[in-house]
Amino acid sequence: MPHHGNEAEHSDERGANEGSGQQKPVIRDNRKVDPETGAARHPQGEAGAEGNAAPTDGDALSQAEEILNGVEVPAEESVASGAAAEAQAAELRNDLLRLQAEYVNYRKRVERDRAVAGEMAVIGVLNSLLPVLDDVDAARQHGDLEGGPFAAIATKLENALKTYGLERIADTGVEFDPTIHEALIQQPGEDIQVDTVSQVLRSGYRSGERVLRAAQVIVAVPA
């Protein structure tokens, strides 16, 4: 059937009739960031072109933040973890204090043992020289040390040993003390009330509170 008029006019009429209600307009959202999730997104064209491309760094970071933010630690587990940490810290502190106390005790024991070892060494030397001092006393009693070089040497030796704490036990007229005196002879004495040292047969020696050798004496006892 022949058409009357211009073909363009008929096309405009058909477009107007189709837009009057037969088809709804299509709205495309081309925003690159999702307004709800905040994640970056690609247009469909780019996705189709890239295929199965890996997500960008921004996408991975956003997903990691979402996962971390979504993990919730129960309050009970948090309190239990804090209590365990405090208990472990207290145990370590106690171990440290115990080690410190053991070290202090060890140091004191070492110092004490060192002092005792030094004292025993001095006592050993003094004991080895006691026979020499006995010979000096015997020579002095017999008058062999009346002046001369030997008298000076004997005096120097005795003074040097005094610097190491050596003391002579040779006093007479004192009360008999069994801790420093060895009674070889007992004789009745006059006008005495207690046992008294009347004569020293061999001198005794001591170093500090330690008696190296008791003095051999004659004791006068009450009659």
N, C-alpha and C. Protein backbone atom coordinates (compact mmCIF):
# COMPACT_ATOMS: atom_id res chain seq x y z
N MET A 1 0.87 -1.18 0.00
CA MET A 1 0.00 0.00 0.00
C MET A 1 0.89 1.21 0.00
N PRO A 2 0.65 2.11 -0.88
CA PRO A 2 1.55 3.27 -0.98
C PRO A 2 1.37 4.17 0.22
N HIS A 3 2.53 4.73 0.64
CA HIS A 3 2.57 5.65 1.79
C HIS A 3 2.46 7.05 1.27
N HIS A 4 1.74 7.83 1.99
CA HIS A 4 1.59 9.23 1.62
C HIS A 4 2.43 10.07 2.55
N GLY A 5 3.08 11.02 2.03
CA GLY A 5 3.88 11.94 2.84
C GLY A 5 5.32 11.48 2.93
N ASN A 6 6.01 12.15 3.78
CA ASN A 6 7.44 11.90 3.96
C ASN A 6 7.67 10.71 4.86
N GLU A 7 8.68 9.87 4.49
CA GLU A 7 8.99 8.68 5.29
C GLU A 7 9.54 9.07 6.65
N ALA A 8 10.26 10.16 6.76
CA ALA A 8 10.81 10.61 8.04
C ALA A 8 9.74 10.96 9.02
N GLU A 9 8.60 11.50 8.51
CA GLU A 9 7.51 11.85 9.40
C GLU A 9 6.91 10.60 10.01
N HIS A 10 6.77 9.54 9.20
CA HIS A 10 6.26 8.28 9.75
C HIS A 10 7.20 7.69 10.78
N SER A 11 8.51 7.81 10.56
CA SER A 11 9.47 7.29 11.54
C SER A 11 9.38 8.07 12.83
N ASP A 12 9.19 9.39 12.75
CA ASP A 12 9.08 10.18 14.00
C ASP A 12 7.84 9.81 14.74
N GLU A 13 6.77 9.51 13.99
CA GLU A 13 5.52 9.14 14.67
C GLU A 13 5.68 7.81 15.39
N ARG A 14 6.37 6.84 14.75
CA ARG A 14 6.57 5.55 15.41
C ARG A 14 7.45 5.71 16.63
N GLY A 15 8.51 6.56 16.57
CA GLY A 15 9.35 6.78 17.76
C GLY A 15 8.59 7.43 18.86
N ALA A 16 7.65 8.35 18.48
CA ALA A 16 6.88 9.01 19.52
C ALA A 16 5.92 8.06 20.17
N ASN A 17 5.29 7.15 19.31
CA ASN A 17 4.37 6.16 19.89
C ASN A 17 5.08 5.18 20.80
N GLU A 18 6.36 4.77 20.40
CA GLU A 18 7.10 3.83 21.26
C GLU A 18 7.53 4.48 22.56
N GLY A 19 7.85 5.78 22.57
CA GLY A 19 8.28 6.44 23.80
C GLY A 19 7.15 6.85 24.68
N SER A 20 5.90 6.71 24.20
CA SER A 20 4.76 7.16 24.99
C SER A 20 4.43 6.21 26.12
N GLY A 21 5.01 5.01 26.17
CA GLY A 21 4.69 4.11 27.27
C GLY A 21 4.94 2.68 27.00
N GLN A 22 5.31 2.37 25.77
CA GLN A 22 5.55 0.96 25.45
C GLN A 22 6.89 0.47 26.00
N GLN A 23 7.99 1.27 26.14
CA GLN A 23 9.30 0.87 26.68
C GLN A 23 9.77 1.88 27.72
N LYS A 24 10.39 1.34 28.80
CA LYS A 24 10.91 2.22 29.88
C LYS A 24 12.36 2.58 29.60
N PRO A 25 12.78 3.76 30.01
CA PRO A 25 14.19 4.15 29.79
C PRO A 25 15.14 3.31 30.66
N VAL A 26 16.33 3.00 30.18
CA VAL A 26 17.36 2.22 30.88
C VAL A 26 18.40 3.19 31.46
N ILE A 27 18.63 3.09 32.80
CA ILE A 27 19.59 3.97 33.50
C ILE A 27 20.81 3.14 33.85
N ARG A 28 21.94 3.53 33.42
CA ARG A 28 23.19 2.80 33.72
C ARG A 28 24.01 3.59 34.76
N ASP A 29 24.49 2.83 35.79
CA ASP A 29 25.32 3.44 36.86
C ASP A 29 26.78 3.21 36.51
N ASN A 30 27.41 4.27 36.06
CA ASN A 30 28.81 4.17 35.65
C ASN A 30 29.81 4.62 36.73
N ARG A 31 29.37 4.74 37.98
CA ARG A 31 30.29 5.16 39.07
C ARG A 31 31.31 4.05 39.35
N LYS A 32 32.53 4.47 39.53
CA LYS A 32 33.61 3.51 39.73
C LYS A 32 33.70 3.01 41.17
N VAL A 33 33.04 3.65 42.12
CA VAL A 33 33.06 3.25 43.54
C VAL A 33 31.66 2.93 43.96
N ASP A 34 31.47 1.79 44.57
CA ASP A 34 30.16 1.37 45.05
C ASP A 34 29.77 2.26 46.22
N PRO A 35 28.64 3.01 46.14
CA PRO A 35 28.28 3.92 47.24
C PRO A 35 27.92 3.19 48.52
N GLU A 36 27.57 1.90 48.47
CA GLU A 36 27.18 1.17 49.69
C GLU A 36 28.37 0.52 50.38
N THR A 37 29.22 -0.15 49.63
CA THR A 37 30.36 -0.87 50.22
C THR A 37 31.64 -0.07 50.18
N GLY A 38 31.75 0.91 49.30
CA GLY A 38 32.97 1.70 49.17
C GLY A 38 34.03 1.00 48.36
N ALA A 39 33.75 -0.19 47.82
CA ALA A 39 34.74 -0.92 47.03
C ALA A 39 34.75 -0.42 45.60
N ALA A 40 35.93 -0.46 44.99
CA ALA A 40 36.06 -0.04 43.59
C ALA A 40 35.47 -1.12 42.70
N ARG A 41 34.88 -0.68 41.62
CA ARG A 41 34.29 -1.65 40.68
C ARG A 41 34.61 -1.19 39.26
N HIS A 42 34.58 -2.16 38.35
CA HIS A 42 34.92 -1.89 36.96
C HIS A 42 33.66 -1.94 36.10
N PRO A 43 33.61 -1.17 35.13
CA PRO A 43 32.46 -1.27 34.20
C PRO A 43 32.43 -2.63 33.55
N GLN A 44 31.29 -3.02 33.10
CA GLN A 44 31.13 -4.34 32.50
C GLN A 44 32.01 -4.51 31.27
N GLY A 45 32.19 -3.43 30.56
CA GLY A 45 33.02 -3.51 29.36
C GLY A 45 34.46 -3.84 29.71
N GLU A 46 34.98 -3.18 30.73
CA GLU A 46 36.36 -3.42 31.14
C GLU A 46 36.51 -4.81 31.70
N ALA A 47 35.47 -5.26 32.47
CA ALA A 47 35.55 -6.61 33.04
C ALA A 47 35.56 -7.64 31.95
N GLY A 48 34.71 -7.42 30.93
CA GLY A 48 34.70 -8.38 29.84
C GLY A 48 35.98 -8.39 29.08
N ALA A 49 36.60 -7.20 28.99
CA ALA A 49 37.84 -7.13 28.22
C ALA A 49 38.99 -7.77 28.97
N GLU A 50 39.00 -7.56 30.27
CA GLU A 50 40.11 -8.09 31.06
C GLU A 50 39.92 -9.55 31.41
N GLY A 51 38.69 -10.04 31.39
CA GLY A 51 38.44 -11.44 31.72
C GLY A 51 38.53 -11.65 33.21
N ASN A 52 39.28 -12.64 33.62
CA ASN A 52 39.45 -12.97 35.04
C ASN A 52 40.68 -12.28 35.59
N ALA A 53 40.78 -10.98 35.48
CA ALA A 53 41.95 -10.26 35.97
C ALA A 53 41.92 -10.22 37.48
N ALA A 54 43.11 -10.17 38.09
CA ALA A 54 43.21 -10.14 39.56
C ALA A 54 42.77 -8.79 40.06
N PRO A 55 42.20 -8.71 41.26
CA PRO A 55 41.77 -7.43 41.83
C PRO A 55 42.96 -6.53 42.09
N THR A 56 42.69 -5.25 42.08
CA THR A 56 43.75 -4.27 42.32
C THR A 56 44.12 -4.27 43.78
N ASP A 57 45.21 -3.52 44.10
CA ASP A 57 45.65 -3.43 45.49
C ASP A 57 44.60 -2.80 46.36
N GLY A 58 43.88 -1.82 45.82
CA GLY A 58 42.83 -1.18 46.61
C GLY A 58 41.75 -2.17 46.99
N ASP A 59 41.38 -3.06 46.05
CA ASP A 59 40.36 -4.06 46.37
C ASP A 59 40.83 -5.01 47.45
N ALA A 60 42.08 -5.50 47.34
CA ALA A 60 42.61 -6.44 48.34
C ALA A 60 42.70 -5.78 49.71
N LEU A 61 43.15 -4.53 49.75
CA LEU A 61 43.24 -3.82 51.02
C LEU A 61 41.87 -3.63 51.64
N SER A 62 40.90 -3.26 50.79
CA SER A 62 39.54 -3.07 51.31
C SER A 62 38.97 -4.37 51.84
N GLN A 63 39.22 -5.48 51.12
CA GLN A 63 38.71 -6.76 51.60
C GLN A 63 39.38 -7.18 52.90
N ALA A 64 40.70 -6.94 53.01
CA ALA A 64 41.40 -7.29 54.25
C ALA A 64 40.88 -6.47 55.42
N GLU A 65 40.64 -5.17 55.20
CA GLU A 65 40.10 -4.34 56.27
C GLU A 65 38.71 -4.80 56.69
N GLU A 66 37.92 -5.19 55.69
CA GLU A 66 36.58 -5.68 56.04
C GLU A 66 36.64 -6.95 56.86
N ILE A 67 37.59 -7.85 56.52
CA ILE A 67 37.72 -9.10 57.28
C ILE A 67 38.18 -8.82 58.70
N LEU A 68 39.20 -7.94 58.84
CA LEU A 68 39.71 -7.63 60.18
C LEU A 68 38.66 -6.92 61.02
N ASN A 69 37.94 -5.99 60.40
CA ASN A 69 36.91 -5.28 61.15
C ASN A 69 35.76 -6.20 61.53
N GLY A 70 35.56 -7.24 60.74
CA GLY A 70 34.46 -8.15 61.03
C GLY A 70 34.78 -9.17 62.09
N VAL A 71 36.08 -9.35 62.42
CA VAL A 71 36.46 -10.32 63.46
C VAL A 71 36.30 -9.67 64.83
N GLU A 72 35.59 -10.29 65.68
CA GLU A 72 35.34 -9.79 67.03
C GLU A 72 35.96 -10.74 68.05
N VAL A 73 36.73 -10.19 68.99
CA VAL A 73 37.35 -10.99 70.05
C VAL A 73 36.45 -10.96 71.27
N PRO A 74 36.02 -12.11 71.74
CA PRO A 74 35.15 -12.12 72.92
C PRO A 74 35.84 -11.49 74.13
N ALA A 75 35.06 -10.85 74.95
CA ALA A 75 35.62 -10.18 76.13
C ALA A 75 36.27 -11.20 77.07
N GLU A 76 35.69 -12.39 77.20
CA GLU A 76 36.25 -13.39 78.11
C GLU A 76 37.64 -13.81 77.67
N GLU A 77 37.84 -14.01 76.35
CA GLU A 77 39.15 -14.41 75.87
C GLU A 77 40.17 -13.30 76.07
N SER A 78 39.75 -12.04 75.89
CA SER A 78 40.68 -10.93 76.10
C SER A 78 41.12 -10.85 77.55
N VAL A 79 40.19 -11.01 78.48
CA VAL A 79 40.53 -10.97 79.91
C VAL A 79 41.43 -12.14 80.27
N ALA A 80 41.12 -13.33 79.72
CA ALA A 80 41.92 -14.50 80.03
C ALA A 80 43.35 -14.33 79.50
N SER A 81 43.47 -13.76 78.29
CA SER A 81 44.81 -13.54 77.73
C SER A 81 45.60 -12.56 78.59
N GLY A 82 44.97 -11.48 79.06
CA GLY A 82 45.66 -10.53 79.93
C GLY A 82 46.07 -11.16 81.25
N ALA A 83 45.22 -12.00 81.83
CA ALA A 83 45.56 -12.66 83.10
C ALA A 83 46.72 -13.63 82.91
N ALA A 84 46.74 -14.35 81.78
CA ALA A 84 47.84 -15.27 81.52
C ALA A 84 49.15 -14.52 81.36
N ALA A 85 49.09 -13.36 80.67
CA ALA A 85 50.31 -12.57 80.51
C ALA A 85 50.83 -12.05 81.85
N GLU A 86 49.92 -11.61 82.72
CA GLU A 86 50.33 -11.12 84.04
C GLU A 86 50.93 -12.26 84.87
N ALA A 87 50.32 -13.45 84.78
CA ALA A 87 50.85 -14.59 85.53
C ALA A 87 52.23 -14.97 85.05
N GLN A 88 52.44 -14.95 83.73
CA GLN A 88 53.75 -15.26 83.18
C GLN A 88 54.79 -14.22 83.59
N ALA A 89 54.40 -12.94 83.58
CA ALA A 89 55.33 -11.88 84.01
C ALA A 89 55.69 -12.04 85.48
N ALA A 90 54.71 -12.38 86.32
CA ALA A 90 55.00 -12.58 87.74
C ALA A 90 55.93 -13.76 87.95
N GLU A 91 55.73 -14.83 87.18
CA GLU A 91 56.61 -16.00 87.30
C GLU A 91 58.04 -15.66 86.89
N LEU A 92 58.19 -14.92 85.80
CA LEU A 92 59.52 -14.51 85.36
C LEU A 92 60.18 -13.60 86.38
N ARG A 93 59.38 -12.70 87.00
CA ARG A 93 59.94 -11.82 88.03
C ARG A 93 60.43 -12.61 89.24
N ASN A 94 59.65 -13.61 89.64
CA ASN A 94 60.06 -14.45 90.77
C ASN A 94 61.33 -15.24 90.44
N ASP A 95 61.42 -15.72 89.21
CA ASP A 95 62.63 -16.44 88.80
C ASP A 95 63.84 -15.52 88.84
N LEU A 96 63.66 -14.29 88.40
CA LEU A 96 64.76 -13.33 88.41
C LEU A 96 65.21 -13.02 89.84
N LEU A 97 64.24 -12.82 90.74
CA LEU A 97 64.59 -12.55 92.14
C LEU A 97 65.29 -13.74 92.76
N ARG A 98 64.85 -14.94 92.43
CA ARG A 98 65.49 -16.13 92.99
C ARG A 98 66.92 -16.27 92.47
N LEU A 99 67.14 -16.01 91.19
CA LEU A 99 68.48 -16.07 90.65
C LEU A 99 69.38 -15.00 91.27
N GLN A 100 68.82 -13.82 91.51
CA GLN A 100 69.60 -12.76 92.13
C GLN A 100 70.00 -13.14 93.55
N ALA A 101 69.07 -13.73 94.32
CA ALA A 101 69.38 -14.15 95.68
C ALA A 101 70.44 -15.26 95.67
N GLU A 102 70.33 -16.19 94.73
CA GLU A 102 71.32 -17.25 94.64
C GLU A 102 72.69 -16.68 94.30
N TYR A 103 72.74 -15.69 93.44
CA TYR A 103 74.02 -15.08 93.08
C TYR A 103 74.63 -14.35 94.27
N VAL A 104 73.80 -13.63 95.03
CA VAL A 104 74.31 -12.93 96.21
C VAL A 104 74.86 -13.92 97.23
N ASN A 105 74.13 -15.01 97.45
CA ASN A 105 74.61 -16.02 98.40
C ASN A 105 75.91 -16.66 97.90
N TYR A 106 75.96 -16.91 96.60
CA TYR A 106 77.19 -17.49 96.03
C TYR A 106 78.37 -16.55 96.21
N ARG A 107 78.16 -15.27 95.97
CA ARG A 107 79.26 -14.31 96.11
C ARG A 107 79.72 -14.22 97.56
N LYS A 108 78.77 -14.22 98.51
CA LYS A 108 79.16 -14.18 99.92
C LYS A 108 79.92 -15.44 100.31
N ARG A 109 79.47 -16.58 99.80
CA ARG A 109 80.15 -17.83 100.13
C ARG A 109 81.56 -17.85 99.57
N VAL A 110 81.72 -17.33 98.34
CA VAL A 110 83.06 -17.28 97.75
C VAL A 110 83.97 -16.36 98.54
N GLU A 111 83.47 -15.20 98.92
CA GLU A 111 84.28 -14.27 99.72
C GLU A 111 84.64 -14.87 101.07
N ARG A 112 83.68 -15.56 101.69
CA ARG A 112 83.97 -16.19 102.98
C ARG A 112 85.01 -17.30 102.84
N ASP A 113 84.87 -18.10 101.79
CA ASP A 113 85.84 -19.17 101.57
C ASP A 113 87.22 -18.61 101.27
N ARG A 114 87.25 -17.49 100.52
CA ARG A 114 88.55 -16.88 100.23
C ARG A 114 89.21 -16.36 101.50
N ALA A 115 88.41 -15.75 102.37
CA ALA A 115 88.97 -15.25 103.63
C ALA A 115 89.47 -16.39 104.51
N VAL A 116 88.69 -17.47 104.57
CA VAL A 116 89.11 -18.62 105.38
C VAL A 116 90.38 -19.24 104.81
N ALA A 117 90.46 -19.35 103.47
CA ALA A 117 91.66 -19.91 102.85
C ALA A 117 92.89 -19.05 103.15
N GLY A 118 92.72 -17.72 103.09
CA GLY A 118 93.84 -16.85 103.42
C GLY A 118 94.27 -16.97 104.88
N GLU A 119 93.28 -17.08 105.76
CA GLU A 119 93.60 -17.23 107.19
C GLU A 119 94.32 -18.55 107.46
N MET A 120 93.85 -19.62 106.81
CA MET A 120 94.50 -20.91 107.02
C MET A 120 95.92 -20.90 106.47
N ALA A 121 96.14 -20.19 105.38
CA ALA A 121 97.51 -20.10 104.85
C ALA A 121 98.43 -19.39 105.83
N VAL A 122 97.95 -18.29 106.42
CA VAL A 122 98.76 -17.57 107.41
C VAL A 122 99.03 -18.45 108.62
N ILE A 123 98.01 -19.17 109.08
CA ILE A 123 98.18 -20.02 110.26
C ILE A 123 99.18 -21.14 109.96
N GLY A 124 99.13 -21.67 108.74
CA GLY A 124 100.10 -22.70 108.38
C GLY A 124 101.53 -22.19 108.45
N VAL A 125 101.76 -20.95 107.97
CA VAL A 125 103.11 -20.37 108.03
C VAL A 125 103.52 -20.13 109.47
N LEU A 126 102.61 -19.63 110.28
CA LEU A 126 102.94 -19.36 111.68
C LEU A 126 103.26 -20.65 112.43
N ASN A 127 102.50 -21.69 112.19
CA ASN A 127 102.78 -22.96 112.86
C ASN A 127 104.15 -23.51 112.48
N SER A 128 104.52 -23.32 111.21
CA SER A 128 105.83 -23.81 110.77
C SER A 128 106.97 -23.04 111.40
N LEU A 129 106.71 -21.81 111.86
CA LEU A 129 107.76 -20.99 112.47
C LEU A 129 107.81 -21.09 113.99
N LEU A 130 106.86 -21.79 114.60
CA LEU A 130 106.86 -21.91 116.06
C LEU A 130 108.13 -22.58 116.60
N PRO A 131 108.66 -23.66 115.97
CA PRO A 131 109.93 -24.22 116.47
C PRO A 131 111.08 -23.21 116.42
N VAL A 132 111.09 -22.35 115.41
CA VAL A 132 112.13 -21.32 115.33
C VAL A 132 112.00 -20.35 116.50
N LEU A 133 110.77 -19.98 116.83
CA LEU A 133 110.56 -19.07 117.96
C LEU A 133 110.94 -19.75 119.28
N ASP A 134 110.73 -21.07 119.38
CA ASP A 134 111.17 -21.78 120.58
C ASP A 134 112.69 -21.73 120.72
N ASP A 135 113.40 -21.86 119.62
CA ASP A 135 114.87 -21.77 119.68
C ASP A 135 115.31 -20.37 120.06
N VAL A 136 114.60 -19.36 119.58
CA VAL A 136 114.93 -17.98 119.94
C VAL A 136 114.71 -17.77 121.44
N ASP A 137 113.62 -18.30 122.00
CA ASP A 137 113.36 -18.17 123.43
C ASP A 137 114.45 -18.89 124.24
N ALA A 138 114.82 -20.08 123.80
CA ALA A 138 115.85 -20.83 124.53
C ALA A 138 117.18 -20.08 124.49
N ALA A 139 117.52 -19.50 123.34
CA ALA A 139 118.77 -18.75 123.24
C ALA A 139 118.71 -17.51 124.10
N ARG A 140 117.59 -16.87 124.19
CA ARG A 140 117.45 -15.68 125.02
C ARG A 140 117.58 -16.03 126.50
N GLN A 141 117.00 -17.15 126.93
CA GLN A 141 117.07 -17.55 128.33
C GLN A 141 118.50 -17.92 128.75
N HIS A 142 119.25 -18.45 127.79
CA HIS A 142 120.63 -18.83 128.09
C HIS A 142 121.61 -17.68 127.87
N GLY A 143 121.12 -16.54 127.49
CA GLY A 143 121.98 -15.38 127.32
C GLY A 143 122.72 -15.34 126.00
N ASP A 144 122.31 -16.14 125.03
CA ASP A 144 123.00 -16.15 123.75
C ASP A 144 122.58 -14.99 122.84
N LEU A 145 121.56 -14.26 123.25
CA LEU A 145 121.08 -13.15 122.43
C LEU A 145 121.30 -11.81 123.14
N GLU A 146 122.35 -11.75 123.90
CA GLU A 146 122.66 -10.50 124.57
C GLU A 146 123.39 -9.59 123.60
N GLY A 147 122.63 -8.82 122.83
CA GLY A 147 123.25 -7.96 121.82
C GLY A 147 123.71 -8.77 120.62
N GLY A 148 124.37 -8.12 119.70
CA GLY A 148 124.88 -8.80 118.52
C GLY A 148 123.84 -8.85 117.41
N PRO A 149 124.27 -9.30 116.25
CA PRO A 149 123.38 -9.33 115.08
C PRO A 149 122.23 -10.32 115.23
N PHE A 150 122.47 -11.43 115.91
CA PHE A 150 121.41 -12.42 116.05
C PHE A 150 120.24 -11.88 116.87
N ALA A 151 120.55 -11.07 117.86
CA ALA A 151 119.48 -10.47 118.66
C ALA A 151 118.60 -9.56 117.79
N ALA A 152 119.23 -8.78 116.91
CA ALA A 152 118.47 -7.90 116.03
C ALA A 152 117.62 -8.71 115.05
N ILE A 153 118.18 -9.83 114.55
CA ILE A 153 117.42 -10.67 113.61
C ILE A 153 116.21 -11.29 114.31
N ALA A 154 116.41 -11.76 115.55
CA ALA A 154 115.30 -12.36 116.30
C ALA A 154 114.20 -11.33 116.56
N THR A 155 114.61 -10.12 116.90
CA THR A 155 113.61 -9.07 117.16
C THR A 155 112.82 -8.74 115.89
N LYS A 156 113.49 -8.65 114.76
CA LYS A 156 112.82 -8.37 113.49
C LYS A 156 111.83 -9.49 113.14
N LEU A 157 112.26 -10.72 113.38
CA LEU A 157 111.37 -11.86 113.07
C LEU A 157 110.11 -11.81 113.94
N GLU A 158 110.27 -11.55 115.20
CA GLU A 158 109.11 -11.51 116.11
C GLU A 158 108.18 -10.35 115.75
N ASN A 159 108.74 -9.22 115.42
CA ASN A 159 107.90 -8.07 115.04
C ASN A 159 107.17 -8.32 113.72
N ALA A 160 107.83 -8.99 112.78
CA ALA A 160 107.18 -9.29 111.50
C ALA A 160 106.01 -10.26 111.71
N LEU A 161 106.17 -11.23 112.60
CA LEU A 161 105.09 -12.18 112.85
C LEU A 161 103.93 -11.52 113.61
N LYS A 162 104.21 -10.50 114.38
CA LYS A 162 103.13 -9.80 115.07
C LYS A 162 102.20 -9.08 114.08
N THR A 163 102.75 -8.67 112.96
CA THR A 163 101.90 -8.01 111.96
C THR A 163 100.86 -8.98 111.38
N TYR A 164 101.10 -10.26 111.49
CA TYR A 164 100.14 -11.27 111.04
C TYR A 164 99.25 -11.77 112.17
N GLY A 165 99.26 -11.04 113.31
CA GLY A 165 98.36 -11.36 114.41
C GLY A 165 98.89 -12.37 115.39
N LEU A 166 100.18 -12.70 115.35
CA LEU A 166 100.74 -13.67 116.28
C LEU A 166 100.95 -13.03 117.65
N GLU A 167 100.44 -13.70 118.67
CA GLU A 167 100.59 -13.22 120.05
C GLU A 167 101.18 -14.34 120.90
N ARG A 168 102.06 -13.95 121.81
CA ARG A 168 102.71 -14.91 122.70
C ARG A 168 101.86 -15.10 123.96
N ILE A 169 101.76 -16.33 124.42
CA ILE A 169 101.07 -16.65 125.68
C ILE A 169 102.16 -17.08 126.66
N ALA A 170 102.60 -16.17 127.50
CA ALA A 170 103.71 -16.46 128.42
C ALA A 170 103.59 -15.65 129.71
N ASP A 171 102.41 -15.23 130.10
CA ASP A 171 102.24 -14.43 131.30
C ASP A 171 102.17 -15.36 132.52
N THR A 172 102.78 -14.91 133.60
CA THR A 172 102.71 -15.62 134.88
C THR A 172 101.90 -14.80 135.87
N GLY A 173 101.44 -15.47 136.92
CA GLY A 173 100.63 -14.79 137.92
C GLY A 173 99.18 -14.58 137.48
N VAL A 174 98.78 -15.18 136.39
CA VAL A 174 97.40 -15.05 135.92
C VAL A 174 96.64 -16.33 136.25
N GLU A 175 95.33 -16.24 136.25
CA GLU A 175 94.51 -17.41 136.54
C GLU A 175 94.68 -18.47 135.45
N PHE A 176 94.74 -19.69 135.90
CA PHE A 176 94.90 -20.79 134.95
C PHE A 176 93.67 -20.89 134.05
N ASP A 177 93.89 -20.94 132.75
CA ASP A 177 92.82 -21.05 131.76
C ASP A 177 93.08 -22.28 130.91
N PRO A 178 92.28 -23.32 131.05
CA PRO A 178 92.57 -24.56 130.30
C PRO A 178 92.48 -24.39 128.78
N THR A 179 91.88 -23.30 128.30
CA THR A 179 91.79 -23.10 126.85
C THR A 179 93.10 -22.60 126.25
N ILE A 180 93.97 -21.98 127.08
CA ILE A 180 95.23 -21.47 126.56
C ILE A 180 96.44 -22.02 127.34
N HIS A 181 96.18 -22.74 128.44
CA HIS A 181 97.26 -23.27 129.26
C HIS A 181 97.19 -24.79 129.30
N GLU A 182 98.38 -25.39 129.35
CA GLU A 182 98.50 -26.83 129.55
C GLU A 182 99.30 -27.05 130.83
N ALA A 183 98.63 -27.56 131.86
CA ALA A 183 99.29 -27.73 133.16
C ALA A 183 100.12 -29.02 133.15
N LEU A 184 101.44 -28.85 133.32
CA LEU A 184 102.32 -30.01 133.42
C LEU A 184 102.60 -30.39 134.86
N ILE A 185 102.63 -29.40 135.72
CA ILE A 185 102.93 -29.65 137.14
C ILE A 185 101.99 -28.79 137.97
N GLN A 186 101.52 -29.38 139.07
CA GLN A 186 100.70 -28.64 140.04
C GLN A 186 101.42 -28.61 141.38
N GLN A 187 101.50 -27.44 141.95
CA GLN A 187 102.17 -27.25 143.24
C GLN A 187 101.28 -26.44 144.16
N PRO A 188 101.25 -26.80 145.42
CA PRO A 188 100.46 -25.99 146.36
C PRO A 188 101.10 -24.62 146.52
N GLY A 189 100.25 -23.62 146.55
CA GLY A 189 100.74 -22.25 146.70
C GLY A 189 100.20 -21.59 147.95
N GLU A 190 100.84 -20.55 148.34
CA GLU A 190 100.45 -19.82 149.52
C GLU A 190 99.71 -18.54 149.13
N ASP A 191 98.70 -18.26 149.93
CA ASP A 191 97.93 -17.02 149.76
C ASP A 191 97.30 -16.91 148.35
N ILE A 192 96.84 -18.02 147.85
CA ILE A 192 96.12 -17.98 146.56
C ILE A 192 94.76 -18.62 146.76
N GLN A 193 93.77 -18.13 146.04
CA GLN A 193 92.40 -18.63 146.14
C GLN A 193 92.00 -19.49 144.94
N VAL A 194 92.66 -19.29 143.79
CA VAL A 194 92.33 -20.04 142.57
C VAL A 194 93.63 -20.56 141.98
N ASP A 195 93.49 -21.50 141.05
CA ASP A 195 94.67 -22.03 140.35
C ASP A 195 95.32 -20.91 139.55
N THR A 196 96.66 -20.79 139.77
CA THR A 196 97.39 -19.68 139.18
C THR A 196 98.63 -20.19 138.48
N VAL A 197 98.94 -19.57 137.34
CA VAL A 197 100.15 -19.92 136.60
C VAL A 197 101.35 -19.33 137.35
N SER A 198 102.22 -20.25 137.81
CA SER A 198 103.40 -19.78 138.54
C SER A 198 104.65 -19.73 137.67
N GLN A 199 104.71 -20.57 136.62
CA GLN A 199 105.89 -20.59 135.75
C GLN A 199 105.50 -21.13 134.38
N VAL A 200 106.11 -20.53 133.35
CA VAL A 200 105.87 -20.95 131.96
C VAL A 200 107.07 -21.75 131.49
N LEU A 201 106.82 -23.03 131.16
CA LEU A 201 107.89 -23.89 130.67
C LEU A 201 108.10 -23.74 129.17
N ARG A 202 107.04 -23.56 128.46
CA ARG A 202 107.14 -23.30 127.01
C ARG A 202 106.03 -22.34 126.61
N SER A 203 106.38 -21.33 125.89
CA SER A 203 105.41 -20.30 125.52
C SER A 203 104.36 -20.87 124.56
N GLY A 204 103.17 -20.30 124.71
CA GLY A 204 102.09 -20.63 123.78
C GLY A 204 101.87 -19.47 122.80
N TYR A 205 101.12 -19.73 121.76
CA TYR A 205 100.88 -18.71 120.76
C TYR A 205 99.43 -18.81 120.28
N ARG A 206 98.93 -17.67 119.85
CA ARG A 206 97.59 -17.60 119.26
C ARG A 206 97.57 -16.51 118.20
N SER A 207 96.63 -16.67 117.29
CA SER A 207 96.44 -15.69 116.22
C SER A 207 94.97 -15.29 116.24
N GLY A 208 94.73 -14.08 116.73
CA GLY A 208 93.35 -13.64 116.89
C GLY A 208 92.66 -14.46 117.98
N GLU A 209 91.53 -15.08 117.65
CA GLU A 209 90.81 -15.92 118.60
C GLU A 209 91.25 -17.38 118.52
N ARG A 210 92.10 -17.71 117.58
CA ARG A 210 92.52 -19.10 117.39
C ARG A 210 93.81 -19.36 118.18
N VAL A 211 93.79 -20.39 118.99
CA VAL A 211 94.97 -20.78 119.76
C VAL A 211 95.79 -21.74 118.91
N LEU A 212 97.01 -21.31 118.56
CA LEU A 212 97.87 -22.17 117.77
C LEU A 212 98.53 -23.24 118.63
N ARG A 213 98.90 -22.86 119.83
CA ARG A 213 99.52 -23.82 120.74
C ARG A 213 99.35 -23.32 122.16
N ALA A 214 98.90 -24.21 123.03
CA ALA A 214 98.73 -23.83 124.45
C ALA A 214 100.09 -23.74 125.14
N ALA A 215 100.16 -22.87 126.13
CA ALA A 215 101.40 -22.70 126.88
C ALA A 215 101.51 -23.81 127.91
N GLN A 216 102.70 -24.39 128.01
CA GLN A 216 102.97 -25.42 129.02
C GLN A 216 103.44 -24.72 130.29
N VAL A 217 102.70 -24.93 131.39
CA VAL A 217 102.93 -24.14 132.60
C VAL A 217 102.92 -25.04 133.84
N ILE A 218 103.46 -24.41 134.93
CA ILE A 218 103.36 -24.99 136.29
C ILE A 218 102.27 -24.21 137.01
N VAL A 219 101.33 -24.93 137.62
CA VAL A 219 100.16 -24.29 138.22
C VAL A 219 100.28 -24.39 139.75
N ALA A 220 100.06 -23.25 140.35
CA ALA A 220 100.00 -23.21 141.82
C ALA A 220 98.54 -23.31 142.21
N VAL A 221 98.24 -24.31 143.09
CA VAL A 221 96.87 -24.55 143.53
C VAL A 221 96.74 -24.16 144.99
N PRO A 222 95.54 -23.83 145.45
CA PRO A 222 95.38 -23.49 146.87
C PRO A 222 95.77 -24.67 147.77
N ALA A 223 96.39 -24.36 148.85
CA ALA A 223 96.89 -25.39 149.77
C ALA A 223 95.72 -25.98 150.56
